[in-house]
Amino acid sequence: MSHYLTRHLDKVGESYLEHLRFAFTFGGRMVAGGVGCILHGLMPWTFETTGSRTIKRLNAILTTGARGNSRTAEHGMLAVDYQI
């Protein structure tokens, strides 16, 4: 069981608490961006760039090493350049 717990943590180079903090922060930003998209759908004059800004910021965190390690090449991630 411990192999399954530590395999991913070893891969991303984080402790359990570091990973928990990152996942909660990243997930919270995803939820906030999603809520902005839903509200924009209901009221088009609001949150006009929230979805695309959120995606660009989250992509930058994953691809530029803002997490503490560069993940782009290792995981085959591409930078996004679009607007939702």
PDB file of N, CA and C in Angstrom:
ATOM      1  N   MET A   1       0.815  -1.195   0.000  1.00  0.00           N
ATOM      2  CA  MET A   1       0.000   0.000   0.000  1.00  0.00           C
ATOM      3  C   MET A   1       0.859   1.260   0.000  1.00  0.00           C
ATOM      4  N   SER A   2       1.956   1.261   0.748  1.00  0.00           N
ATOM      5  CA  SER A   2       2.782   2.466   0.822  1.00  0.00           C
ATOM      6  C   SER A   2       3.398   2.803  -0.534  1.00  0.00           C
ATOM      7  N   HIS A   3       3.635   1.780  -1.376  1.00  0.00           N
ATOM      8  CA  HIS A   3       4.174   2.038  -2.715  1.00  0.00           C
ATOM      9  C   HIS A   3       3.203   2.904  -3.511  1.00  0.00           C
ATOM     10  N   TYR A   4       1.926   2.613  -3.430  1.00  0.00           N
ATOM     11  CA  TYR A   4       0.931   3.395  -4.158  1.00  0.00           C
ATOM     12  C   TYR A   4       0.845   4.811  -3.613  1.00  0.00           C
ATOM     13  N   LEU A   5       1.040   4.964  -2.321  1.00  0.00           N
ATOM     14  CA  LEU A   5       0.992   6.276  -1.697  1.00  0.00           C
ATOM     15  C   LEU A   5       2.209   7.113  -2.077  1.00  0.00           C
ATOM     16  N   THR A   6       3.369   6.516  -2.098  1.00  0.00           N
ATOM     17  CA  THR A   6       4.590   7.283  -2.318  1.00  0.00           C
ATOM     18  C   THR A   6       5.022   7.383  -3.776  1.00  0.00           C
ATOM     19  N   ARG A   7       4.520   6.521  -4.644  1.00  0.00           N
ATOM     20  CA  ARG A   7       4.966   6.531  -6.042  1.00  0.00           C
ATOM     21  C   ARG A   7       4.746   7.901  -6.682  1.00  0.00           C
ATOM     22  N   HIS A   8       3.559   8.438  -6.578  1.00  0.00           N
ATOM     23  CA  HIS A   8       3.265   9.732  -7.181  1.00  0.00           C
ATOM     24  C   HIS A   8       4.017  10.855  -6.461  1.00  0.00           C
ATOM     25  N   LEU A   9       4.070  10.791  -5.136  1.00  0.00           N
ATOM     26  CA  LEU A   9       4.778  11.824  -4.384  1.00  0.00           C
ATOM     27  C   LEU A   9       6.251  11.863  -4.763  1.00  0.00           C
ATOM     28  N   ASP A  10       6.853  10.700  -4.941  1.00  0.00           N
ATOM     29  CA  ASP A  10       8.243  10.637  -5.378  1.00  0.00           C
ATOM     30  C   ASP A  10       8.392  11.217  -6.784  1.00  0.00           C
ATOM     31  N   LYS A  11       7.443  10.925  -7.633  1.00  0.00           N
ATOM     32  CA  LYS A  11       7.489  11.389  -9.019  1.00  0.00           C
ATOM     33  C   LYS A  11       7.460  12.912  -9.108  1.00  0.00           C
ATOM     34  N   VAL A  12       6.640  13.556  -8.279  1.00  0.00           N
ATOM     35  CA  VAL A  12       6.540  15.019  -8.316  1.00  0.00           C
ATOM     36  C   VAL A  12       7.492  15.690  -7.327  1.00  0.00           C
ATOM     37  N   GLY A  13       8.195  14.895  -6.526  1.00  0.00           N
ATOM     38  CA  GLY A  13       9.194  15.439  -5.614  1.00  0.00           C
ATOM     39  C   GLY A  13       8.619  16.248  -4.468  1.00  0.00           C
ATOM     40  N   GLU A  14       7.505  15.785  -3.907  1.00  0.00           N
ATOM     41  CA  GLU A  14       6.859  16.498  -2.811  1.00  0.00           C
ATOM     42  C   GLU A  14       6.562  15.554  -1.658  1.00  0.00           C
ATOM     43  N   SER A  15       6.465  16.146  -0.473  1.00  0.00           N
ATOM     44  CA  SER A  15       5.987  15.382   0.679  1.00  0.00           C
ATOM     45  C   SER A  15       4.465  15.319   0.593  1.00  0.00           C
ATOM     46  N   TYR A  16       3.865  14.536   1.462  1.00  0.00           N
ATOM     47  CA  TYR A  16       2.406  14.431   1.464  1.00  0.00           C
ATOM     48  C   TYR A  16       1.765  15.796   1.723  1.00  0.00           C
ATOM     49  N   LEU A  17       2.265  16.531   2.718  1.00  0.00           N
ATOM     50  CA  LEU A  17       1.676  17.823   3.058  1.00  0.00           C
ATOM     51  C   LEU A  17       1.898  18.858   1.950  1.00  0.00           C
ATOM     52  N   GLU A  18       3.070  18.841   1.322  1.00  0.00           N
ATOM     53  CA  GLU A  18       3.312  19.746   0.191  1.00  0.00           C
ATOM     54  C   GLU A  18       2.342  19.450  -0.949  1.00  0.00           C
ATOM     55  N   HIS A  19       2.167  18.170  -1.230  1.00  0.00           N
ATOM     56  CA  HIS A  19       1.261  17.770  -2.300  1.00  0.00           C
ATOM     57  C   HIS A  19      -0.178  18.132  -1.963  1.00  0.00           C
ATOM     58  N   LEU A  20      -0.582  17.934  -0.725  1.00  0.00           N
ATOM     59  CA  LEU A  20      -1.930  18.280  -0.282  1.00  0.00           C
ATOM     60  C   LEU A  20      -2.181  19.774  -0.460  1.00  0.00           C
ATOM     61  N   ARG A  21      -1.223  20.576  -0.037  1.00  0.00           N
ATOM     62  CA  ARG A  21      -1.356  22.034  -0.169  1.00  0.00           C
ATOM     63  C   ARG A  21      -1.463  22.429  -1.637  1.00  0.00           C
ATOM     64  N   PHE A  22      -0.593  21.877  -2.475  1.00  0.00           N
ATOM     65  CA  PHE A  22      -0.628  22.207  -3.903  1.00  0.00           C
ATOM     66  C   PHE A  22      -1.964  21.797  -4.519  1.00  0.00           C
ATOM     67  N   ALA A  23      -2.416  20.593  -4.226  1.00  0.00           N
ATOM     68  CA  ALA A  23      -3.659  20.084  -4.816  1.00  0.00           C
ATOM     69  C   ALA A  23      -4.870  20.904  -4.366  1.00  0.00           C
ATOM     70  N   PHE A  24      -4.915  21.279  -3.094  1.00  0.00           N
ATOM     71  CA  PHE A  24      -6.037  22.081  -2.611  1.00  0.00           C
ATOM     72  C   PHE A  24      -6.030  23.464  -3.243  1.00  0.00           C
ATOM     73  N   THR A  25      -4.856  24.070  -3.339  1.00  0.00           N
ATOM     74  CA  THR A  25      -4.748  25.395  -3.949  1.00  0.00           C
ATOM     75  C   THR A  25      -5.106  25.344  -5.429  1.00  0.00           C
ATOM     76  N   PHE A  26      -4.526  24.394  -6.144  1.00  0.00           N
ATOM     77  CA  PHE A  26      -4.774  24.255  -7.581  1.00  0.00           C
ATOM     78  C   PHE A  26      -6.249  23.942  -7.834  1.00  0.00           C
ATOM     79  N   GLY A  27      -6.797  22.995  -7.088  1.00  0.00           N
ATOM     80  CA  GLY A  27      -8.199  22.629  -7.239  1.00  0.00           C
ATOM     81  C   GLY A  27      -9.132  23.772  -6.916  1.00  0.00           C
ATOM     82  N   GLY A  28      -8.813  24.542  -5.896  1.00  0.00           N
ATOM     83  CA  GLY A  28      -9.626  25.705  -5.543  1.00  0.00           C
ATOM     84  C   GLY A  28      -9.649  26.735  -6.656  1.00  0.00           C
ATOM     85  N   ARG A  29      -8.502  26.935  -7.286  1.00  0.00           N
ATOM     86  CA  ARG A  29      -8.445  27.864  -8.420  1.00  0.00           C
ATOM     87  C   ARG A  29      -9.257  27.340  -9.600  1.00  0.00           C
ATOM     88  N   MET A  30      -9.233  26.037  -9.807  1.00  0.00           N
ATOM     89  CA  MET A  30     -10.037  25.442 -10.878  1.00  0.00           C
ATOM     90  C   MET A  30     -11.528  25.654 -10.606  1.00  0.00           C
ATOM     91  N   VAL A  31     -11.943  25.411  -9.384  1.00  0.00           N
ATOM     92  CA  VAL A  31     -13.356  25.584  -9.016  1.00  0.00           C
ATOM     93  C   VAL A  31     -13.764  27.048  -9.179  1.00  0.00           C
ATOM     94  N   ALA A  32     -12.939  27.966  -8.706  1.00  0.00           N
ATOM     95  CA  ALA A  32     -13.260  29.389  -8.822  1.00  0.00           C
ATOM     96  C   ALA A  32     -13.385  29.800 -10.288  1.00  0.00           C
ATOM     97  N   GLY A  33     -12.467  29.323 -11.127  1.00  0.00           N
ATOM     98  CA  GLY A  33     -12.556  29.620 -12.555  1.00  0.00           C
ATOM     99  C   GLY A  33     -13.811  29.034 -13.179  1.00  0.00           C
ATOM    100  N   GLY A  34     -14.174  27.830 -12.763  1.00  0.00           N
ATOM    101  CA  GLY A  34     -15.386  27.193 -13.262  1.00  0.00           C
ATOM    102  C   GLY A  34     -16.636  27.935 -12.864  1.00  0.00           C
ATOM    103  N   VAL A  35     -16.670  28.411 -11.632  1.00  0.00           N
ATOM    104  CA  VAL A  35     -17.821  29.199 -11.176  1.00  0.00           C
ATOM    105  C   VAL A  35     -17.911  30.484 -11.996  1.00  0.00           C
ATOM    106  N   GLY A  36     -16.761  31.105 -12.257  1.00  0.00           N
ATOM    107  CA  GLY A  36     -16.747  32.301 -13.101  1.00  0.00           C
ATOM    108  C   GLY A  36     -17.292  32.015 -14.494  1.00  0.00           C
ATOM    109  N   CYS A  37     -16.938  30.860 -15.071  1.00  0.00           N
ATOM    110  CA  CYS A  37     -17.445  30.476 -16.394  1.00  0.00           C
ATOM    111  C   CYS A  37     -18.963  30.278 -16.370  1.00  0.00           C
ATOM    112  N   ILE A  38     -19.454  29.618 -15.329  1.00  0.00           N
ATOM    113  CA  ILE A  38     -20.893  29.385 -15.214  1.00  0.00           C
ATOM    114  C   ILE A  38     -21.640  30.712 -15.082  1.00  0.00           C
ATOM    115  N   LEU A  39     -21.124  31.599 -14.236  1.00  0.00           N
ATOM    116  CA  LEU A  39     -21.765  32.897 -14.074  1.00  0.00           C
ATOM    117  C   LEU A  39     -21.706  33.708 -15.363  1.00  0.00           C
ATOM    118  N   HIS A  40     -20.598  33.597 -16.091  1.00  0.00           N
ATOM    119  CA  HIS A  40     -20.478  34.274 -17.383  1.00  0.00           C
ATOM    120  C   HIS A  40     -21.516  33.737 -18.369  1.00  0.00           C
ATOM    121  N   GLY A  41     -21.762  32.444 -18.330  1.00  0.00           N
ATOM    122  CA  GLY A  41     -22.772  31.863 -19.199  1.00  0.00           C
ATOM    123  C   GLY A  41     -24.164  32.405 -18.908  1.00  0.00           C
ATOM    124  N   LEU A  42     -24.437  32.620 -17.628  1.00  0.00           N
ATOM    125  CA  LEU A  42     -25.745  33.149 -17.222  1.00  0.00           C
ATOM    126  C   LEU A  42     -25.854  34.652 -17.461  1.00  0.00           C
ATOM    127  N   MET A  43     -24.749  35.359 -17.214  1.00  0.00           N
ATOM    128  CA  MET A  43     -24.715  36.818 -17.350  1.00  0.00           C
ATOM    129  C   MET A  43     -23.476  37.192 -18.162  1.00  0.00           C
ATOM    130  N   PRO A  44     -23.583  37.214 -19.492  1.00  0.00           N
ATOM    131  CA  PRO A  44     -22.407  37.374 -20.360  1.00  0.00           C
ATOM    132  C   PRO A  44     -21.573  38.628 -20.114  1.00  0.00           C
ATOM    133  N   TRP A  45     -22.107  39.626 -19.463  1.00  0.00           N
ATOM    134  CA  TRP A  45     -21.359  40.847 -19.198  1.00  0.00           C
ATOM    135  C   TRP A  45     -20.435  40.710 -17.986  1.00  0.00           C
ATOM    136  N   THR A  46     -20.504  39.577 -17.295  1.00  0.00           N
ATOM    137  CA  THR A  46     -19.659  39.359 -16.122  1.00  0.00           C
ATOM    138  C   THR A  46     -18.579  38.324 -16.422  1.00  0.00           C
ATOM    139  N   PHE A  47     -17.480  38.387 -15.725  1.00  0.00           N
ATOM    140  CA  PHE A  47     -16.411  37.380 -15.767  1.00  0.00           C
ATOM    141  C   PHE A  47     -16.011  37.022 -17.211  1.00  0.00           C
ATOM    142  N   GLU A  48     -15.839  38.039 -18.047  1.00  0.00           N
ATOM    143  CA  GLU A  48     -15.581  37.825 -19.467  1.00  0.00           C
ATOM    144  C   GLU A  48     -14.273  37.099 -19.756  1.00  0.00           C
ATOM    145  N   THR A  49     -13.274  37.257 -18.916  1.00  0.00           N
ATOM    146  CA  THR A  49     -11.978  36.614 -19.179  1.00  0.00           C
ATOM    147  C   THR A  49     -11.551  35.663 -18.061  1.00  0.00           C
ATOM    148  N   THR A  50     -12.420  35.421 -17.108  1.00  0.00           N
ATOM    149  CA  THR A  50     -12.046  34.604 -15.948  1.00  0.00           C
ATOM    150  C   THR A  50     -11.621  33.194 -16.342  1.00  0.00           C
ATOM    151  N   GLY A  51     -12.377  32.546 -17.210  1.00  0.00           N
ATOM    152  CA  GLY A  51     -12.051  31.176 -17.607  1.00  0.00           C
ATOM    153  C   GLY A  51     -10.701  31.085 -18.291  1.00  0.00           C
ATOM    154  N   SER A  52     -10.455  31.927 -19.283  1.00  0.00           N
ATOM    155  CA  SER A  52      -9.188  31.850 -20.013  1.00  0.00           C
ATOM    156  C   SER A  52      -8.017  32.274 -19.133  1.00  0.00           C
ATOM    157  N   ARG A  53      -8.211  33.294 -18.292  1.00  0.00           N
ATOM    158  CA  ARG A  53      -7.134  33.694 -17.379  1.00  0.00           C
ATOM    159  C   ARG A  53      -6.787  32.580 -16.410  1.00  0.00           C
ATOM    160  N   THR A  54      -7.804  31.914 -15.889  1.00  0.00           N
ATOM    161  CA  THR A  54      -7.573  30.818 -14.949  1.00  0.00           C
ATOM    162  C   THR A  54      -6.803  29.691 -15.615  1.00  0.00           C
ATOM    163  N   ILE A  55      -7.204  29.314 -16.809  1.00  0.00           N
ATOM    164  CA  ILE A  55      -6.517  28.232 -17.530  1.00  0.00           C
ATOM    165  C   ILE A  55      -5.071  28.610 -17.805  1.00  0.00           C
ATOM    166  N   LYS A  56      -4.829  29.825 -18.251  1.00  0.00           N
ATOM    167  CA  LYS A  56      -3.455  30.263 -18.545  1.00  0.00           C
ATOM    168  C   LYS A  56      -2.588  30.256 -17.292  1.00  0.00           C
ATOM    169  N   ARG A  57      -3.141  30.739 -16.170  1.00  0.00           N
ATOM    170  CA  ARG A  57      -2.365  30.760 -14.927  1.00  0.00           C
ATOM    171  C   ARG A  57      -2.064  29.344 -14.429  1.00  0.00           C
ATOM    172  N   LEU A  58      -3.059  28.471 -14.481  1.00  0.00           N
ATOM    173  CA  LEU A  58      -2.839  27.095 -14.025  1.00  0.00           C
ATOM    174  C   LEU A  58      -1.863  26.367 -14.944  1.00  0.00           C
ATOM    175  N   ASN A  59      -1.968  26.605 -16.241  1.00  0.00           N
ATOM    176  CA  ASN A  59      -1.027  26.011 -17.179  1.00  0.00           C
ATOM    177  C   ASN A  59       0.392  26.491 -16.905  1.00  0.00           C
ATOM    178  N   ALA A  60       0.532  27.783 -16.603  1.00  0.00           N
ATOM    179  CA  ALA A  60       1.856  28.330 -16.299  1.00  0.00           C
ATOM    180  C   ALA A  60       2.444  27.679 -15.054  1.00  0.00           C
ATOM    181  N   ILE A  61       1.609  27.439 -14.058  1.00  0.00           N
ATOM    182  CA  ILE A  61       2.096  26.783 -12.838  1.00  0.00           C
ATOM    183  C   ILE A  61       2.637  25.401 -13.164  1.00  0.00           C
ATOM    184  N   LEU A  62       1.931  24.657 -14.010  1.00  0.00           N
ATOM    185  CA  LEU A  62       2.354  23.299 -14.336  1.00  0.00           C
ATOM    186  C   LEU A  62       3.531  23.250 -15.296  1.00  0.00           C
ATOM    187  N   THR A  63       3.614  24.194 -16.210  1.00  0.00           N
ATOM    188  CA  THR A  63       4.616  24.079 -17.273  1.00  0.00           C
ATOM    189  C   THR A  63       5.880  24.893 -17.068  1.00  0.00           C
ATOM    190  N   THR A  64       5.849  25.914 -16.227  1.00  0.00           N
ATOM    191  CA  THR A  64       7.042  26.745 -16.058  1.00  0.00           C
ATOM    192  C   THR A  64       7.835  26.404 -14.819  1.00  0.00           C
ATOM    193  N   GLY A  65       7.391  25.424 -14.085  1.00  0.00           N
ATOM    194  CA  GLY A  65       8.128  25.031 -12.894  1.00  0.00           C
ATOM    195  C   GLY A  65       7.780  25.850 -11.673  1.00  0.00           C
ATOM    196  N   ALA A  66       6.676  26.601 -11.717  1.00  0.00           N
ATOM    197  CA  ALA A  66       6.274  27.383 -10.553  1.00  0.00           C
ATOM    198  C   ALA A  66       5.992  26.485  -9.356  1.00  0.00           C
ATOM    199  N   ARG A  67       5.785  25.211  -9.633  1.00  0.00           N
ATOM    200  CA  ARG A  67       5.545  24.237  -8.574  1.00  0.00           C
ATOM    201  C   ARG A  67       6.861  23.835  -7.922  1.00  0.00           C
ATOM    202  N   GLY A  68       7.951  24.207  -8.536  1.00  0.00           N
ATOM    203  CA  GLY A  68       9.247  23.861  -7.978  1.00  0.00           C
ATOM    204  C   GLY A  68      10.026  22.904  -8.867  1.00  0.00           C
ATOM    205  N   ASN A  69       9.396  22.418  -9.941  1.00  0.00           N
ATOM    206  CA  ASN A  69      10.090  21.556 -10.891  1.00  0.00           C
ATOM    207  C   ASN A  69       9.461  21.755 -12.262  1.00  0.00           C
ATOM    208  N   SER A  70      10.246  21.600 -13.305  1.00  0.00           N
ATOM    209  CA  SER A  70       9.727  21.786 -14.653  1.00  0.00           C
ATOM    210  C   SER A  70       9.069  20.498 -15.118  1.00  0.00           C
ATOM    211  N   ARG A  71       7.799  20.573 -15.486  1.00  0.00           N
ATOM    212  CA  ARG A  71       7.035  19.382 -15.809  1.00  0.00           C
ATOM    213  C   ARG A  71       6.660  19.299 -17.276  1.00  0.00           C
ATOM    214  N   THR A  72       6.956  20.315 -18.072  1.00  0.00           N
ATOM    215  CA  THR A  72       6.483  20.350 -19.449  1.00  0.00           C
ATOM    216  C   THR A  72       6.981  19.171 -20.271  1.00  0.00           C
ATOM    217  N   ALA A  73       8.265  19.010 -20.377  1.00  0.00           N
ATOM    218  CA  ALA A  73       8.813  17.951 -21.218  1.00  0.00           C
ATOM    219  C   ALA A  73       8.487  16.571 -20.669  1.00  0.00           C
ATOM    220  N   GLU A  74       8.585  16.421 -19.370  1.00  0.00           N
ATOM    221  CA  GLU A  74       8.357  15.128 -18.738  1.00  0.00           C
ATOM    222  C   GLU A  74       6.941  14.618 -18.973  1.00  0.00           C
ATOM    223  N   HIS A  75       5.972  15.524 -18.951  1.00  0.00           N
ATOM    224  CA  HIS A  75       4.582  15.110 -19.056  1.00  0.00           C
ATOM    225  C   HIS A  75       3.950  15.465 -20.403  1.00  0.00           C
ATOM    226  N   GLY A  76       4.732  16.017 -21.320  1.00  0.00           N
ATOM    227  CA  GLY A  76       4.226  16.329 -22.641  1.00  0.00           C
ATOM    228  C   GLY A  76       3.159  17.396 -22.646  1.00  0.00           C
ATOM    229  N   MET A  77       3.228  18.338 -21.721  1.00  0.00           N
ATOM    230  CA  MET A  77       2.221  19.392 -21.649  1.00  0.00           C
ATOM    231  C   MET A  77       2.558  20.510 -22.626  1.00  0.00           C
ATOM    232  N   LEU A  78       1.547  21.095 -23.174  1.00  0.00           N
ATOM    233  CA  LEU A  78       1.708  22.206 -24.100  1.00  0.00           C
ATOM    234  C   LEU A  78       1.115  23.461 -23.494  1.00  0.00           C
ATOM    235  N   ALA A  79       1.698  24.591 -23.817  1.00  0.00           N
ATOM    236  CA  ALA A  79       1.134  25.857 -23.362  1.00  0.00           C
ATOM    237  C   ALA A  79      -0.158  26.132 -24.120  1.00  0.00           C
ATOM    238  N   VAL A  80      -1.117  26.719 -23.440  1.00  0.00           N
ATOM    239  CA  VAL A  80      -2.389  27.017 -24.082  1.00  0.00           C
ATOM    240  C   VAL A  80      -2.401  28.464 -24.553  1.00  0.00           C
ATOM    241  N   ASP A  81      -3.076  28.719 -25.643  1.00  0.00           N
ATOM    242  CA  ASP A  81      -3.225  30.061 -26.151  1.00  0.00           C
ATOM    243  C   ASP A  81      -4.603  30.188 -26.786  1.00  0.00           C
ATOM    244  N   TYR A  82      -5.626  30.212 -25.957  1.00  0.00           N
ATOM    245  CA  TYR A  82      -6.993  30.333 -26.431  1.00  0.00           C
ATOM    246  C   TYR A  82      -7.818  31.023 -25.368  1.00  0.00           C
ATOM    247  N   GLN A  83      -9.025  31.407 -25.741  1.00  0.00           N
ATOM    248  CA  GLN A  83      -9.902  32.089 -24.797  1.00  0.00           C
ATOM    249  C   GLN A  83     -11.238  31.381 -24.753  1.00  0.00           C
ATOM    250  N   ILE A  84     -11.741  31.175 -23.548  1.00  0.00           N
ATOM    251  CA  ILE A  84     -13.043  30.534 -23.367  1.00  0.00           C
ATOM    252  C   ILE A  84     -14.036  31.591 -22.937  1.00  0.00           C
TER     253      ILE A  84
END
